Amino acid sequence: MKDSRQQFVFRIPYGSPQHARAFSLHDALVTMAVVSTIATIGVPSFQQLVVSQRMTGAINTFVTALHLARSEAIKRGENAVLCPSTDGRNCINRGDEWETGYLLYIDRDGAREIDADETVVRVFGATNGLRLRTSPGRDDVRYMPNGLALGSTATFRFCDVHGRGTPKAVIISNAGRVRTSTRMPEGDAIVCPAA
């Protein structure tokens, strides 16, 4: 007796996409070697880019804060002070902690501290991954109503905590002008503080 069911054989032709799904150990090793070579070359460059972008952003924010302080002093006819702060309400009198954050306030009585009747204009956050240090003896930056900065020239050094990237400086003259540089005002290299 003849079987009435037909048998269908489905064959995948050699060279079709369904046939070429696997790859050999040799293919995997070559691919991994190429990827690791690219990663070895690319990762340090990418890290440099990240550090550079972080530093540029922190410097731009700081320069903006300085311009705002000068502008507020002139506009209000009172001293405007930029100082380091850890809590956004009080200044700390140490020039080695600007990276924890800083604030801008109007110092009406010249007492060099924030009183209850004085206005905090703006609070700036921490500079994550960077150290921000100033010249010795410069615990704050004070702008007078005429736009001049009180005290000697101040230099703020921006350095990566891991020593990557090029350190930069923000220099404030007595006239209140701000400039950025990859050197100290005297032309020396910027020395970053140890961890």
C-alpha atoms as a PDB file:
ATOM      1  CA  MET A   1       0.000   0.000   0.000  1.00  0.00           C
ATOM      2  CA  LYS A   2       1.271   3.396  -0.920  1.00  0.00           C
ATOM      3  CA  ASP A   3       1.657   6.110   1.704  1.00  0.00           C
ATOM      4  CA  SER A   4      -0.512   9.087   0.770  1.00  0.00           C
ATOM      5  CA  ARG A   5       1.522  11.549   2.810  1.00  0.00           C
ATOM      6  CA  GLN A   6       4.075  13.466   0.884  1.00  0.00           C
ATOM      7  CA  GLN A   7       7.409  14.115   2.381  1.00  0.00           C
ATOM      8  CA  PHE A   8       8.906  17.558   1.967  1.00  0.00           C
ATOM      9  CA  VAL A   9      12.573  18.083   2.490  1.00  0.00           C
ATOM     10  CA  PHE A  10      13.567  21.640   3.065  1.00  0.00           C
ATOM     11  CA  ARG A  11      17.196  22.228   2.170  1.00  0.00           C
ATOM     12  CA  ILE A  12      19.090  25.419   2.900  1.00  0.00           C
ATOM     13  CA  PRO A  13      21.416  26.229   0.051  1.00  0.00           C
ATOM     14  CA  TYR A  14      25.111  26.546   0.962  1.00  0.00           C
ATOM     15  CA  GLY A  15      26.208  30.194   1.153  1.00  0.00           C
ATOM     16  CA  SER A  16      22.805  31.564   2.175  1.00  0.00           C
ATOM     17  CA  PRO A  17      22.472  33.887   5.188  1.00  0.00           C
ATOM     18  CA  GLN A  18      20.870  31.116   7.272  1.00  0.00           C
ATOM     19  CA  HIS A  19      23.858  28.871   6.676  1.00  0.00           C
ATOM     20  CA  ALA A  20      26.449  31.478   7.708  1.00  0.00           C
ATOM     21  CA  ARG A  21      25.314  32.104  11.285  1.00  0.00           C
ATOM     22  CA  ALA A  22      28.378  30.886  13.148  1.00  0.00           C
ATOM     23  CA  PHE A  23      31.956  32.104  13.208  1.00  0.00           C
ATOM     24  CA  SER A  24      35.150  30.317  13.959  1.00  0.00           C
ATOM     25  CA  LEU A  25      37.459  30.629  16.934  1.00  0.00           C
ATOM     26  CA  HIS A  26      39.987  32.282  14.646  1.00  0.00           C
ATOM     27  CA  ASP A  27      37.408  34.951  13.668  1.00  0.00           C
ATOM     28  CA  ALA A  28      36.627  35.616  17.345  1.00  0.00           C
ATOM     29  CA  LEU A  29      40.307  35.960  18.294  1.00  0.00           C
ATOM     30  CA  VAL A  30      41.052  38.339  15.424  1.00  0.00           C
ATOM     31  CA  THR A  31      38.005  40.457  16.306  1.00  0.00           C
ATOM     32  CA  MET A  32      39.001  40.617  19.984  1.00  0.00           C
ATOM     33  CA  ALA A  33      42.573  41.608  19.058  1.00  0.00           C
ATOM     34  CA  VAL A  34      41.315  44.456  16.860  1.00  0.00           C
ATOM     35  CA  VAL A  35      38.861  45.671  19.523  1.00  0.00           C
ATOM     36  CA  SER A  36      41.496  45.596  22.281  1.00  0.00           C
ATOM     37  CA  THR A  37      43.974  47.514  20.095  1.00  0.00           C
ATOM     38  CA  ILE A  38      41.390  50.190  19.347  1.00  0.00           C
ATOM     39  CA  ALA A  39      40.432  50.379  23.051  1.00  0.00           C
ATOM     40  CA  THR A  40      44.079  50.690  24.086  1.00  0.00           C
ATOM     41  CA  ILE A  41      44.552  53.619  21.743  1.00  0.00           C
ATOM     42  CA  GLY A  42      41.127  55.220  22.200  1.00  0.00           C
ATOM     43  CA  VAL A  43      40.462  55.039  25.957  1.00  0.00           C
ATOM     44  CA  PRO A  44      43.323  57.347  27.062  1.00  0.00           C
ATOM     45  CA  SER A  45      42.340  59.857  24.379  1.00  0.00           C
ATOM     46  CA  PHE A  46      38.739  59.695  25.541  1.00  0.00           C
ATOM     47  CA  GLN A  47      39.814  60.188  29.172  1.00  0.00           C
ATOM     48  CA  GLN A  48      41.842  63.241  28.146  1.00  0.00           C
ATOM     49  CA  LEU A  49      38.775  64.598  26.353  1.00  0.00           C
ATOM     50  CA  VAL A  50      36.576  64.062  29.420  1.00  0.00           C
ATOM     51  CA  VAL A  51      39.115  65.787  31.715  1.00  0.00           C
ATOM     52  CA  SER A  52      39.495  68.668  29.277  1.00  0.00           C
ATOM     53  CA  GLN A  53      35.724  69.150  29.000  1.00  0.00           C
ATOM     54  CA  ARG A  54      35.271  68.963  32.783  1.00  0.00           C
ATOM     55  CA  MET A  55      38.020  71.546  33.323  1.00  0.00           C
ATOM     56  CA  THR A  56      36.655  73.861  30.625  1.00  0.00           C
ATOM     57  CA  GLY A  57      33.182  73.703  32.185  1.00  0.00           C
ATOM     58  CA  ALA A  58      34.510  74.402  35.705  1.00  0.00           C
ATOM     59  CA  ILE A  59      36.638  77.329  34.483  1.00  0.00           C
ATOM     60  CA  ASN A  60      33.730  78.811  32.526  1.00  0.00           C
ATOM     61  CA  THR A  61      31.489  78.571  35.596  1.00  0.00           C
ATOM     62  CA  PHE A  62      34.132  80.215  37.788  1.00  0.00           C
ATOM     63  CA  VAL A  63      34.785  83.037  35.308  1.00  0.00           C
ATOM     64  CA  THR A  64      31.021  83.587  35.050  1.00  0.00           C
ATOM     65  CA  ALA A  65      30.871  83.826  38.858  1.00  0.00           C
ATOM     66  CA  LEU A  66      33.654  86.442  38.847  1.00  0.00           C
ATOM     67  CA  HIS A  67      31.935  88.499  36.144  1.00  0.00           C
ATOM     68  CA  LEU A  68      28.668  88.268  38.056  1.00  0.00           C
ATOM     69  CA  ALA A  69      30.389  89.412  41.278  1.00  0.00           C
ATOM     70  CA  ARG A  70      31.906  92.442  39.552  1.00  0.00           C
ATOM     71  CA  SER A  71      28.611  93.273  37.855  1.00  0.00           C
ATOM     72  CA  GLU A  72      26.637  93.000  41.115  1.00  0.00           C
ATOM     73  CA  ALA A  73      29.133  95.247  42.957  1.00  0.00           C
ATOM     74  CA  ILE A  74      28.830  97.937  40.289  1.00  0.00           C
ATOM     75  CA  LYS A  75      25.049  97.608  39.937  1.00  0.00           C
ATOM     76  CA  ARG A  76      24.296  97.637  43.682  1.00  0.00           C
ATOM     77  CA  GLY A  77      27.018 100.109  44.715  1.00  0.00           C
ATOM     78  CA  GLU A  78      28.194  97.687  47.434  1.00  0.00           C
ATOM     79  CA  ASN A  79      31.007  95.188  47.908  1.00  0.00           C
ATOM     80  CA  ALA A  80      30.357  91.801  46.307  1.00  0.00           C
ATOM     81  CA  VAL A  81      32.275  88.811  47.656  1.00  0.00           C
ATOM     82  CA  LEU A  82      32.956  85.400  46.125  1.00  0.00           C
ATOM     83  CA  CYS A  83      34.119  82.904  48.746  1.00  0.00           C
ATOM     84  CA  PRO A  84      34.502  79.132  49.163  1.00  0.00           C
ATOM     85  CA  SER A  85      31.582  77.409  50.868  1.00  0.00           C
ATOM     86  CA  THR A  86      30.732  73.843  51.775  1.00  0.00           C
ATOM     87  CA  ASP A  87      27.090  74.432  52.725  1.00  0.00           C
ATOM     88  CA  GLY A  88      26.013  77.257  50.379  1.00  0.00           C
ATOM     89  CA  ARG A  89      25.182  79.520  53.367  1.00  0.00           C
ATOM     90  CA  ASN A  90      28.517  80.385  54.984  1.00  0.00           C
ATOM     91  CA  CYS A  91      32.035  81.140  53.774  1.00  0.00           C
ATOM     92  CA  ILE A  92      34.982  79.063  54.878  1.00  0.00           C
ATOM     93  CA  ASN A  93      38.202  80.999  55.323  1.00  0.00           C
ATOM     94  CA  ARG A  94      40.555  78.559  53.642  1.00  0.00           C
ATOM     95  CA  GLY A  95      41.752  79.103  50.096  1.00  0.00           C
ATOM     96  CA  ASP A  96      42.397  75.405  49.643  1.00  0.00           C
ATOM     97  CA  GLU A  97      38.763  74.338  49.518  1.00  0.00           C
ATOM     98  CA  TRP A  98      37.221  76.167  46.577  1.00  0.00           C
ATOM     99  CA  GLU A  99      36.507  72.822  44.899  1.00  0.00           C
ATOM    100  CA  THR A 100      33.820  72.074  47.518  1.00  0.00           C
ATOM    101  CA  GLY A 101      31.738  74.943  46.118  1.00  0.00           C
ATOM    102  CA  TYR A 102      31.554  78.707  46.447  1.00  0.00           C
ATOM    103  CA  LEU A 103      29.004  81.451  46.828  1.00  0.00           C
ATOM    104  CA  LEU A 104      28.496  85.092  45.932  1.00  0.00           C
ATOM    105  CA  TYR A 105      27.084  87.510  48.492  1.00  0.00           C
ATOM    106  CA  ILE A 106      26.720  91.259  49.005  1.00  0.00           C
ATOM    107  CA  ASP A 107      28.814  92.436  51.972  1.00  0.00           C
ATOM    108  CA  ARG A 108      27.016  95.618  53.034  1.00  0.00           C
ATOM    109  CA  ASP A 109      28.932  96.274  56.258  1.00  0.00           C
ATOM    110  CA  GLY A 110      32.377  95.044  55.131  1.00  0.00           C
ATOM    111  CA  ALA A 111      32.577  92.579  58.043  1.00  0.00           C
ATOM    112  CA  ARG A 112      33.861  89.782  55.746  1.00  0.00           C
ATOM    113  CA  GLU A 113      31.101  87.408  56.823  1.00  0.00           C
ATOM    114  CA  ILE A 114      27.502  86.870  55.802  1.00  0.00           C
ATOM    115  CA  ASP A 115      25.119  88.635  58.179  1.00  0.00           C
ATOM    116  CA  ALA A 116      21.368  88.038  58.424  1.00  0.00           C
ATOM    117  CA  ASP A 117      20.532  91.170  56.418  1.00  0.00           C
ATOM    118  CA  GLU A 118      22.989  90.430  53.593  1.00  0.00           C
ATOM    119  CA  THR A 119      21.986  88.796  50.337  1.00  0.00           C
ATOM    120  CA  VAL A 120      23.427  85.581  48.963  1.00  0.00           C
ATOM    121  CA  VAL A 121      23.198  86.215  45.226  1.00  0.00           C
ATOM    122  CA  ARG A 122      24.142  82.785  43.961  1.00  0.00           C
ATOM    123  CA  VAL A 123      25.597  79.449  45.106  1.00  0.00           C
ATOM    124  CA  PHE A 124      27.915  77.430  42.868  1.00  0.00           C
ATOM    125  CA  GLY A 125      28.393  73.679  43.286  1.00  0.00           C
ATOM    126  CA  ALA A 126      31.530  71.611  43.738  1.00  0.00           C
ATOM    127  CA  THR A 127      34.051  71.102  40.932  1.00  0.00           C
ATOM    128  CA  ASN A 128      33.900  67.299  40.897  1.00  0.00           C
ATOM    129  CA  GLY A 129      37.125  65.588  39.863  1.00  0.00           C
ATOM    130  CA  LEU A 130      39.102  68.839  40.028  1.00  0.00           C
ATOM    131  CA  ARG A 131      41.087  70.717  42.625  1.00  0.00           C
ATOM    132  CA  LEU A 132      40.568  74.477  42.721  1.00  0.00           C
ATOM    133  CA  ARG A 133      43.183  76.315  44.772  1.00  0.00           C
ATOM    134  CA  THR A 134      44.052  79.995  45.105  1.00  0.00           C
ATOM    135  CA  SER A 135      47.046  82.142  45.953  1.00  0.00           C
ATOM    136  CA  PRO A 136      48.134  82.127  49.610  1.00  0.00           C
ATOM    137  CA  GLY A 137      46.237  84.684  51.653  1.00  0.00           C
ATOM    138  CA  ARG A 138      43.326  84.981  49.198  1.00  0.00           C
ATOM    139  CA  ASP A 139      40.408  83.419  51.038  1.00  0.00           C
ATOM    140  CA  ASP A 140      37.896  85.330  48.924  1.00  0.00           C
ATOM    141  CA  VAL A 141      37.535  87.657  45.953  1.00  0.00           C
ATOM    142  CA  ARG A 142      36.065  91.091  46.755  1.00  0.00           C
ATOM    143  CA  TYR A 143      34.814  93.537  44.182  1.00  0.00           C
ATOM    144  CA  MET A 144      34.214  97.162  45.164  1.00  0.00           C
ATOM    145  CA  PRO A 145      31.418  99.316  43.704  1.00  0.00           C
ATOM    146  CA  ASN A 146      33.915 100.811  41.214  1.00  0.00           C
ATOM    147  CA  GLY A 147      34.628  97.332  39.783  1.00  0.00           C
ATOM    148  CA  LEU A 148      38.129  96.973  41.227  1.00  0.00           C
ATOM    149  CA  ALA A 149      39.157  93.797  43.034  1.00  0.00           C
ATOM    150  CA  LEU A 150      40.492  94.333  46.554  1.00  0.00           C
ATOM    151  CA  GLY A 151      43.881  92.845  47.390  1.00  0.00           C
ATOM    152  CA  SER A 152      46.740  91.586  45.298  1.00  0.00           C
ATOM    153  CA  THR A 153      46.494  89.682  42.034  1.00  0.00           C
ATOM    154  CA  ALA A 154      44.804  86.329  42.673  1.00  0.00           C
ATOM    155  CA  THR A 155      45.583  83.132  40.796  1.00  0.00           C
ATOM    156  CA  PHE A 156      43.221  80.169  40.913  1.00  0.00           C
ATOM    157  CA  ARG A 157      44.702  76.834  39.795  1.00  0.00           C
ATOM    158  CA  PHE A 158      42.460  74.166  38.262  1.00  0.00           C
ATOM    159  CA  CYS A 159      43.981  70.661  38.399  1.00  0.00           C
ATOM    160  CA  ASP A 160      42.606  67.183  37.768  1.00  0.00           C
ATOM    161  CA  VAL A 161      42.635  65.060  40.947  1.00  0.00           C
ATOM    162  CA  HIS A 162      44.344  62.213  39.041  1.00  0.00           C
ATOM    163  CA  GLY A 163      46.961  64.426  37.403  1.00  0.00           C
ATOM    164  CA  ARG A 164      45.521  64.026  33.901  1.00  0.00           C
ATOM    165  CA  GLY A 165      45.169  66.896  31.487  1.00  0.00           C
ATOM    166  CA  THR A 166      46.852  70.264  31.422  1.00  0.00           C
ATOM    167  CA  PRO A 167      46.373  72.377  34.566  1.00  0.00           C
ATOM    168  CA  LYS A 168      44.975  75.840  33.972  1.00  0.00           C
ATOM    169  CA  ALA A 169      44.831  79.093  35.891  1.00  0.00           C
ATOM    170  CA  VAL A 170      42.288  81.881  36.243  1.00  0.00           C
ATOM    171  CA  ILE A 171      44.090  85.136  37.058  1.00  0.00           C
ATOM    172  CA  ILE A 172      42.323  88.169  38.529  1.00  0.00           C
ATOM    173  CA  SER A 173      44.140  91.513  38.415  1.00  0.00           C
ATOM    174  CA  ASN A 174      43.668  94.368  40.900  1.00  0.00           C
ATOM    175  CA  ALA A 175      41.654  96.137  38.220  1.00  0.00           C
ATOM    176  CA  GLY A 176      39.184  93.228  38.429  1.00  0.00           C
ATOM    177  CA  ARG A 177      39.948  91.838  34.983  1.00  0.00           C
ATOM    178  CA  VAL A 178      39.886  88.068  34.555  1.00  0.00           C
ATOM    179  CA  ARG A 179      41.977  85.950  32.209  1.00  0.00           C
ATOM    180  CA  THR A 180      42.755  82.255  31.825  1.00  0.00           C
ATOM    181  CA  SER A 181      46.193  80.797  31.204  1.00  0.00           C
ATOM    182  CA  THR A 182      48.191  77.567  31.080  1.00  0.00           C
ATOM    183  CA  ARG A 183      51.002  79.363  33.011  1.00  0.00           C
ATOM    184  CA  MET A 184      51.247  81.262  36.280  1.00  0.00           C
ATOM    185  CA  PRO A 185      51.286  85.111  36.059  1.00  0.00           C
ATOM    186  CA  GLU A 186      55.107  85.130  36.319  1.00  0.00           C
ATOM    187  CA  GLY A 187      55.351  82.649  33.441  1.00  0.00           C
ATOM    188  CA  ASP A 188      56.144  79.598  35.593  1.00  0.00           C
ATOM    189  CA  ALA A 189      54.442  76.245  35.071  1.00  0.00           C
ATOM    190  CA  ILE A 190      51.321  75.591  37.133  1.00  0.00           C
ATOM    191  CA  VAL A 191      52.133  73.287  40.031  1.00  0.00           C
ATOM    192  CA  CYS A 192      49.199  71.200  41.192  1.00  0.00           C
ATOM    193  CA  PRO A 193      48.775  70.387  44.867  1.00  0.00           C
ATOM    194  CA  ALA A 194      49.390  66.840  46.050  1.00  0.00           C
ATOM    195  CA  ALA A 195      46.391  64.719  46.980  1.00  0.00           C
END
